[in-house]
PDB file of N, CA and C in Angstrom:
ATOM      1  N   UNK A   1      44.991  11.819  18.510  1.00  0.00           N
ATOM      2  CA  UNK A   1      44.120  11.260  18.247  1.00  0.00           C
ATOM      3  C   UNK A   1      43.275  12.211  16.918  1.00  0.00           C
ATOM      4  N   UNK A   2      42.462  11.011  16.004  1.00  0.00           N
ATOM      5  CA  UNK A   2      42.239  12.073  15.020  1.00  0.00           C
ATOM      6  C   UNK A   2      40.469  12.032  15.514  1.00  0.00           C
ATOM      7  N   UNK A   3      40.031  12.723  14.026  1.00  0.00           N
ATOM      8  CA  UNK A   3      38.515  12.549  14.663  1.00  0.00           C
ATOM      9  C   UNK A   3      38.064  11.649  14.039  1.00  0.00           C
ATOM     10  N   UNK A   4      38.552  10.778  13.525  1.00  0.00           N
ATOM     11  CA  UNK A   4      37.535   9.475  13.045  1.00  0.00           C
ATOM     12  C   UNK A   4      37.903   8.490  14.320  1.00  0.00           C
ATOM     13  N   UNK A   5      38.706   8.395  14.620  1.00  0.00           N
ATOM     14  CA  UNK A   5      39.049   7.493  16.326  1.00  0.00           C
ATOM     15  C   UNK A   5      38.303   8.208  17.149  1.00  0.00           C
ATOM     16  N   UNK A   6      38.242   9.501  17.376  1.00  0.00           N
ATOM     17  CA  UNK A   6      37.232  10.103  18.507  1.00  0.00           C
ATOM     18  C   UNK A   6      35.791   9.502  18.435  1.00  0.00           C
ATOM     19  N   UNK A   7      34.953   9.614  16.954  1.00  0.00           N
ATOM     20  CA  UNK A   7      34.025   9.104  16.776  1.00  0.00           C
ATOM     21  C   UNK A   7      33.369   7.986  16.599  1.00  0.00           C
ATOM     22  N   UNK A   8      34.744   7.251  16.190  1.00  0.00           N
ATOM     23  CA  UNK A   8      34.342   5.607  16.370  1.00  0.00           C
ATOM     24  C   UNK A   8      34.812   5.144  18.151  1.00  0.00           C
ATOM     25  N   UNK A   9      34.981   5.929  19.025  1.00  0.00           N
ATOM     26  CA  UNK A   9      35.037   5.300  20.079  1.00  0.00           C
ATOM     27  C   UNK A   9      33.997   5.814  20.977  1.00  0.00           C
ATOM     28  N   UNK A  10      33.130   7.099  20.340  1.00  0.00           N
ATOM     29  CA  UNK A  10      31.738   7.280  21.285  1.00  0.00           C
ATOM     30  C   UNK A  10      31.161   6.275  20.756  1.00  0.00           C
ATOM     31  N   UNK A  11      30.982   5.816  19.557  1.00  0.00           N
ATOM     32  CA  UNK A  11      29.995   5.188  19.231  1.00  0.00           C
ATOM     33  C   UNK A  11      30.021   3.884  19.830  1.00  0.00           C
ATOM     34  N   UNK A  12      31.585   3.083  20.095  1.00  0.00           N
ATOM     35  CA  UNK A  12      31.255   1.834  20.867  1.00  0.00           C
ATOM     36  C   UNK A  12      30.775   2.247  22.324  1.00  0.00           C
ATOM     37  N   UNK A  13      30.793   3.222  22.855  1.00  0.00           N
ATOM     38  CA  UNK A  13      31.076   3.206  24.134  1.00  0.00           C
ATOM     39  C   UNK A  13      29.730   3.653  24.233  1.00  0.00           C
ATOM     40  N   UNK A  14      28.854   4.174  23.406  1.00  0.00           N
ATOM     41  CA  UNK A  14      27.545   4.621  23.664  1.00  0.00           C
ATOM     42  C   UNK A  14      26.711   3.460  22.709  1.00  0.00           C
ATOM     43  N   UNK A  15      26.680   2.524  23.254  1.00  0.00           N
ATOM     44  CA  UNK A  15      26.036   2.057  22.188  1.00  0.00           C
ATOM     45  C   UNK A  15      24.721   1.399  22.376  1.00  0.00           C
ATOM     46  N   UNK A  16      23.838   2.412  22.339  1.00  0.00           N
ATOM     47  CA  UNK A  16      23.043   2.398  22.712  1.00  0.00           C
ATOM     48  C   UNK A  16      21.724   2.056  21.550  1.00  0.00           C
ATOM     49  N   UNK A  17      21.600   0.590  21.868  1.00  0.00           N
ATOM     50  CA  UNK A  17      20.790   0.129  20.600  1.00  0.00           C
ATOM     51  C   UNK A  17      19.240   0.184  21.222  1.00  0.00           C
ATOM     52  N   UNK A  18      18.328  -0.293  20.125  1.00  0.00           N
ATOM     53  CA  UNK A  18      17.110  -0.479  20.707  1.00  0.00           C
ATOM     54  C   UNK A  18      16.837  -1.635  21.763  1.00  0.00           C
ATOM     55  N   UNK A  19      15.639  -0.964  22.446  1.00  0.00           N
ATOM     56  CA  UNK A  19      14.960  -1.800  23.182  1.00  0.00           C
ATOM     57  C   UNK A  19      14.165  -2.716  22.868  1.00  0.00           C
ATOM     58  N   UNK A  20      13.587  -3.665  23.438  1.00  0.00           N
ATOM     59  CA  UNK A  20      13.047  -4.611  22.893  1.00  0.00           C
ATOM     60  C   UNK A  20      11.429  -4.407  22.626  1.00  0.00           C
ATOM     61  N   UNK A  21      11.120  -2.873  23.101  1.00  0.00           N
ATOM     62  CA  UNK A  21       9.803  -2.853  23.089  1.00  0.00           C
ATOM     63  C   UNK A  21       9.808  -1.815  21.210  1.00  0.00           C
ATOM     64  N   UNK A  22      11.192  -1.095  21.674  1.00  0.00           N
ATOM     65  CA  UNK A  22      11.090  -0.201  20.588  1.00  0.00           C
ATOM     66  C   UNK A  22      11.299  -1.073  19.339  1.00  0.00           C
ATOM     67  N   UNK A  23      12.002  -2.065  19.261  1.00  0.00           N
ATOM     68  CA  UNK A  23      12.215  -2.933  18.429  1.00  0.00           C
ATOM     69  C   UNK A  23      10.856  -3.749  17.390  1.00  0.00           C
ATOM     70  N   UNK A  24       9.984  -3.814  18.759  1.00  0.00           N
ATOM     71  CA  UNK A  24       8.987  -4.420  17.910  1.00  0.00           C
ATOM     72  C   UNK A  24       8.021  -3.612  17.459  1.00  0.00           C
ATOM     73  N   UNK A  25       8.024  -2.325  18.162  1.00  0.00           N
ATOM     74  CA  UNK A  25       7.303  -0.940  17.257  1.00  0.00           C
ATOM     75  C   UNK A  25       7.638  -1.101  15.926  1.00  0.00           C
ATOM     76  N   UNK A  26       9.010  -1.062  15.800  1.00  0.00           N
ATOM     77  CA  UNK A  26       9.832  -0.464  14.482  1.00  0.00           C
ATOM     78  C   UNK A  26       9.108  -1.691  13.731  1.00  0.00           C
ATOM     79  N   UNK A  27       9.203  -2.638  14.107  1.00  0.00           N
ATOM     80  CA  UNK A  27       9.102  -3.812  13.278  1.00  0.00           C
ATOM     81  C   UNK A  27       7.120  -3.897  13.213  1.00  0.00           C
ATOM     82  N   UNK A  28       6.725  -3.142  13.592  1.00  0.00           N
ATOM     83  CA  UNK A  28       4.911  -3.412  13.451  1.00  0.00           C
ATOM     84  C   UNK A  28       5.242  -1.922  12.561  1.00  0.00           C
ATOM     85  N   UNK A  29       5.359  -0.947  12.552  1.00  0.00           N
ATOM     86  CA  UNK A  29       5.315   0.052  11.715  1.00  0.00           C
ATOM     87  C   UNK A  29       5.922  -0.330  10.181  1.00  0.00           C
ATOM     88  N   UNK A  30       7.096  -1.296  10.175  1.00  0.00           N
ATOM     89  CA  UNK A  30       7.705  -1.996   8.964  1.00  0.00           C
ATOM     90  C   UNK A  30       6.197  -2.799   8.542  1.00  0.00           C
ATOM     91  N   UNK A  31       5.735  -3.360   9.146  1.00  0.00           N
ATOM     92  CA  UNK A  31       4.590  -4.487   8.878  1.00  0.00           C
ATOM     93  C   UNK A  31       3.519  -3.720   7.827  1.00  0.00           C
ATOM     94  N   UNK A  32       2.996  -2.636   8.986  1.00  0.00           N
ATOM     95  CA  UNK A  32       1.894  -1.626   8.369  1.00  0.00           C
ATOM     96  C   UNK A  32       2.016  -0.982   7.236  1.00  0.00           C
ATOM     97  N   UNK A  33       3.123  -0.651   6.910  1.00  0.00           N
ATOM     98  CA  UNK A  33       3.972  -0.007   5.847  1.00  0.00           C
ATOM     99  C   UNK A  33       3.963  -0.915   4.644  1.00  0.00           C
ATOM    100  N   UNK A  34       4.389  -2.196   4.968  1.00  0.00           N
ATOM    101  CA  UNK A  34       4.600  -2.578   3.713  1.00  0.00           C
ATOM    102  C   UNK A  34       2.922  -3.475   3.478  1.00  0.00           C
ATOM    103  N   UNK A  35       1.996  -3.619   4.539  1.00  0.00           N
ATOM    104  CA  UNK A  35       0.901  -4.816   3.670  1.00  0.00           C
ATOM    105  C   UNK A  35       0.119  -3.407   3.064  1.00  0.00           C
ATOM    106  N   UNK A  36       0.161  -1.653   3.527  1.00  0.00           N
ATOM    107  CA  UNK A  36      -0.694  -0.806   2.806  1.00  0.00           C
ATOM    108  C   UNK A  36      -0.071  -0.709   1.557  1.00  0.00           C
ATOM    109  N   UNK A  37       1.307  -0.713   1.283  1.00  0.00           N
ATOM    110  CA  UNK A  37       1.924  -0.878  -0.282  1.00  0.00           C
ATOM    111  C   UNK A  37       1.286  -1.749  -0.872  1.00  0.00           C
ATOM    112  N   UNK A  38       1.601  -3.157  -0.660  1.00  0.00           N
ATOM    113  CA  UNK A  38       1.091  -3.762  -1.330  1.00  0.00           C
ATOM    114  C   UNK A  38      -0.792  -3.824  -1.437  1.00  0.00           C
ATOM    115  N   UNK A  39      -1.492  -3.610  -0.318  1.00  0.00           N
ATOM    116  CA  UNK A  39      -2.703  -3.422  -0.818  1.00  0.00           C
ATOM    117  C   UNK A  39      -3.211  -2.097  -1.496  1.00  0.00           C
ATOM    118  N   UNK A  40      -2.469  -1.409  -1.800  1.00  0.00           N
ATOM    119  CA  UNK A  40      -2.455  -0.349  -2.835  1.00  0.00           C
ATOM    120  C   UNK A  40      -2.022  -1.131  -4.476  1.00  0.00           C
ATOM    121  N   UNK A  41      -0.987  -1.381  -4.320  1.00  0.00           N
ATOM    122  CA  UNK A  41      -0.674  -1.833  -5.538  1.00  0.00           C
ATOM    123  C   UNK A  41      -2.274  -2.766  -6.348  1.00  0.00           C
ATOM    124  N   UNK A  42      -2.311  -3.927  -4.994  1.00  0.00           N
ATOM    125  CA  UNK A  42      -3.234  -4.818  -5.748  1.00  0.00           C
ATOM    126  C   UNK A  42      -4.735  -3.674  -5.802  1.00  0.00           C
ATOM    127  N   UNK A  43      -4.994  -3.146  -5.154  1.00  0.00           N
ATOM    128  CA  UNK A  43      -6.592  -1.586  -5.210  1.00  0.00           C
ATOM    129  C   UNK A  43      -6.087  -1.377  -6.626  1.00  0.00           C
ATOM    130  N   UNK A  44      -5.125  -0.579  -7.082  1.00  0.00           N
ATOM    131  CA  UNK A  44      -5.119  -0.094  -8.326  1.00  0.00           C
ATOM    132  C   UNK A  44      -4.834  -0.797  -9.568  1.00  0.00           C
ATOM    133  N   UNK A  45      -4.120  -1.812  -9.459  1.00  0.00           N
ATOM    134  CA  UNK A  45      -3.988  -3.331 -10.534  1.00  0.00           C
ATOM    135  C   UNK A  45      -5.250  -3.891 -10.588  1.00  0.00           C
ATOM    136  N   UNK A  46      -5.966  -4.361  -9.934  1.00  0.00           N
ATOM    137  CA  UNK A  46      -6.901  -5.523 -10.084  1.00  0.00           C
ATOM    138  C   UNK A  46      -8.131  -5.160  -9.465  1.00  0.00           C
ATOM    139  N   UNK A  47      -8.369  -4.337  -8.518  1.00  0.00           N
ATOM    140  CA  UNK A  47      -9.589  -4.000  -7.774  1.00  0.00           C
ATOM    141  C   UNK A  47     -10.356  -2.611  -8.448  1.00  0.00           C
ATOM    142  N   UNK A  48      -9.688  -2.125  -8.799  1.00  0.00           N
ATOM    143  CA  UNK A  48     -10.579  -0.341  -9.420  1.00  0.00           C
ATOM    144  C   UNK A  48     -10.720  -1.144 -10.923  1.00  0.00           C
ATOM    145  N   UNK A  49      -9.479  -1.295 -11.697  1.00  0.00           N
ATOM    146  CA  UNK A  49      -9.847  -1.959 -13.115  1.00  0.00           C
ATOM    147  C   UNK A  49     -11.339  -3.130 -13.144  1.00  0.00           C
ATOM    148  N   UNK A  50     -11.233  -3.936 -12.408  1.00  0.00           N
ATOM    149  CA  UNK A  50     -12.217  -4.922 -12.548  1.00  0.00           C
ATOM    150  C   UNK A  50     -13.691  -4.010 -12.100  1.00  0.00           C
ATOM    151  N   UNK A  51     -13.997  -3.340 -11.056  1.00  0.00           N
ATOM    152  CA  UNK A  51     -14.669  -2.115 -10.707  1.00  0.00           C
ATOM    153  C   UNK A  51     -15.470  -1.686 -11.642  1.00  0.00           C
ATOM    154  N   UNK A  52     -14.178  -1.502 -12.697  1.00  0.00           N
ATOM    155  CA  UNK A  52     -14.651   0.087 -14.281  1.00  0.00           C
ATOM    156  C   UNK A  52     -15.411  -0.742 -14.907  1.00  0.00           C
ATOM    157  N   UNK A  53     -14.843  -1.930 -15.041  1.00  0.00           N
ATOM    158  CA  UNK A  53     -14.708  -2.548 -16.535  1.00  0.00           C
ATOM    159  C   UNK A  53     -16.307  -3.147 -15.983  1.00  0.00           C
ATOM    160  N   UNK A  54     -16.504  -4.115 -15.082  1.00  0.00           N
ATOM    161  CA  UNK A  54     -18.112  -4.233 -14.711  1.00  0.00           C
ATOM    162  C   UNK A  54     -18.937  -3.080 -14.737  1.00  0.00           C
ATOM    163  N   UNK A  55     -18.561  -2.186 -14.394  1.00  0.00           N
ATOM    164  CA  UNK A  55     -19.531  -1.084 -14.546  1.00  0.00           C
ATOM    165  C   UNK A  55     -20.155  -0.593 -15.979  1.00  0.00           C
ATOM    166  N   UNK A  56     -19.072  -0.257 -16.645  1.00  0.00           N
ATOM    167  CA  UNK A  56     -19.047  -0.352 -17.919  1.00  0.00           C
ATOM    168  C   UNK A  56     -19.995  -1.133 -18.661  1.00  0.00           C
ATOM    169  N   UNK A  57     -19.788  -2.663 -18.490  1.00  0.00           N
ATOM    170  CA  UNK A  57     -20.346  -3.238 -19.021  1.00  0.00           C
ATOM    171  C   UNK A  57     -21.901  -3.613 -18.774  1.00  0.00           C
ATOM    172  N   UNK A  58     -22.241  -2.941 -17.573  1.00  0.00           N
ATOM    173  CA  UNK A  58     -23.468  -3.293 -17.092  1.00  0.00           C
ATOM    174  C   UNK A  58     -24.498  -1.699 -17.564  1.00  0.00           C
ATOM    175  N   UNK A  59     -23.655  -0.906 -18.070  1.00  0.00           N
ATOM    176  CA  UNK A  59     -23.900   0.076 -18.415  1.00  0.00           C
ATOM    177  C   UNK A  59     -24.495  -0.211 -19.935  1.00  0.00           C
ATOM    178  N   UNK A  60     -23.573  -0.585 -20.583  1.00  0.00           N
ATOM    179  CA  UNK A  60     -23.738  -1.034 -21.956  1.00  0.00           C
ATOM    180  C   UNK A  60     -24.997  -1.950 -22.197  1.00  0.00           C
ATOM    181  N   UNK A  61     -25.268  -2.969 -21.141  1.00  0.00           N
ATOM    182  CA  UNK A  61     -25.940  -3.937 -21.077  1.00  0.00           C
ATOM    183  C   UNK A  61     -27.684  -3.143 -20.914  1.00  0.00           C
ATOM    184  N   UNK A  62     -27.335  -1.941 -20.110  1.00  0.00           N
ATOM    185  CA  UNK A  62     -28.758  -1.543 -19.662  1.00  0.00           C
ATOM    186  C   UNK A  62     -29.427  -0.687 -20.674  1.00  0.00           C
ATOM    187  N   UNK A  63     -28.134  -0.071 -21.628  1.00  0.00           N
ATOM    188  CA  UNK A  63     -28.600   0.925 -22.852  1.00  0.00           C
ATOM    189  C   UNK A  63     -29.238   0.200 -23.878  1.00  0.00           C
ATOM    190  N   UNK A  64     -28.586  -1.253 -23.773  1.00  0.00           N
ATOM    191  CA  UNK A  64     -29.416  -2.115 -25.104  1.00  0.00           C
ATOM    192  C   UNK A  64     -30.060  -2.367 -24.359  1.00  0.00           C
ATOM    193  N   UNK A  65     -30.899  -3.003 -23.477  1.00  0.00           N
ATOM    194  CA  UNK A  65     -32.064  -3.205 -22.890  1.00  0.00           C
ATOM    195  C   UNK A  65     -33.060  -2.410 -23.122  1.00  0.00           C
ATOM    196  N   UNK A  66     -32.156  -1.298 -22.481  1.00  0.00           N
ATOM    197  CA  UNK A  66     -33.609   0.404 -22.659  1.00  0.00           C
ATOM    198  C   UNK A  66     -33.877   0.234 -23.867  1.00  0.00           C
ATOM    199  N   UNK A  67     -32.842   0.545 -25.239  1.00  0.00           N
ATOM    200  CA  UNK A  67     -33.322   0.387 -26.474  1.00  0.00           C
ATOM    201  C   UNK A  67     -33.858  -0.269 -26.936  1.00  0.00           C
ATOM    202  N   UNK A  68     -34.079  -1.665 -26.989  1.00  0.00           N
ATOM    203  CA  UNK A  68     -35.228  -2.846 -27.006  1.00  0.00           C
ATOM    204  C   UNK A  68     -36.815  -2.426 -26.328  1.00  0.00           C
ATOM    205  N   UNK A  69     -36.625  -2.097 -25.191  1.00  0.00           N
ATOM    206  CA  UNK A  69     -37.895  -1.599 -24.561  1.00  0.00           C
ATOM    207  C   UNK A  69     -38.899  -0.713 -25.337  1.00  0.00           C
ATOM    208  N   UNK A  70     -37.700   0.308 -25.454  1.00  0.00           N
ATOM    209  CA  UNK A  70     -38.399   1.862 -26.445  1.00  0.00           C
ATOM    210  C   UNK A  70     -38.971   1.237 -27.519  1.00  0.00           C
ATOM    211  N   UNK A  71     -38.107   0.468 -28.264  1.00  0.00           N
ATOM    212  CA  UNK A  71     -38.801   0.120 -29.517  1.00  0.00           C
ATOM    213  C   UNK A  71     -39.995  -1.002 -29.739  1.00  0.00           C
ATOM    214  N   UNK A  72     -40.057  -1.759 -28.480  1.00  0.00           N
ATOM    215  CA  UNK A  72     -41.467  -2.031 -28.402  1.00  0.00           C
ATOM    216  C   UNK A  72     -42.967  -1.574 -28.332  1.00  0.00           C
ATOM    217  N   UNK A  73     -42.233  -0.506 -27.659  1.00  0.00           N
ATOM    218  CA  UNK A  73     -43.661   0.643 -27.550  1.00  0.00           C
ATOM    219  C   UNK A  73     -44.349   1.026 -28.494  1.00  0.00           C
TER     220      UNK A  73
END
């Protein structure tokens, strides 16, 4: 018998697959990983730019309002 045949027999005889609780843990890990990945994509592409643009707009409005108030005095 060659090495490949011995390896195949070993794999077939030692068919230690996940137990059910390990399988659920693996699925939970994959779910959390996927949720985290999509959350980061959402934050980096929508929430952070929205927050930055809003902050810049408010700063510009505040600067214009302050300039108008200073000219009135």
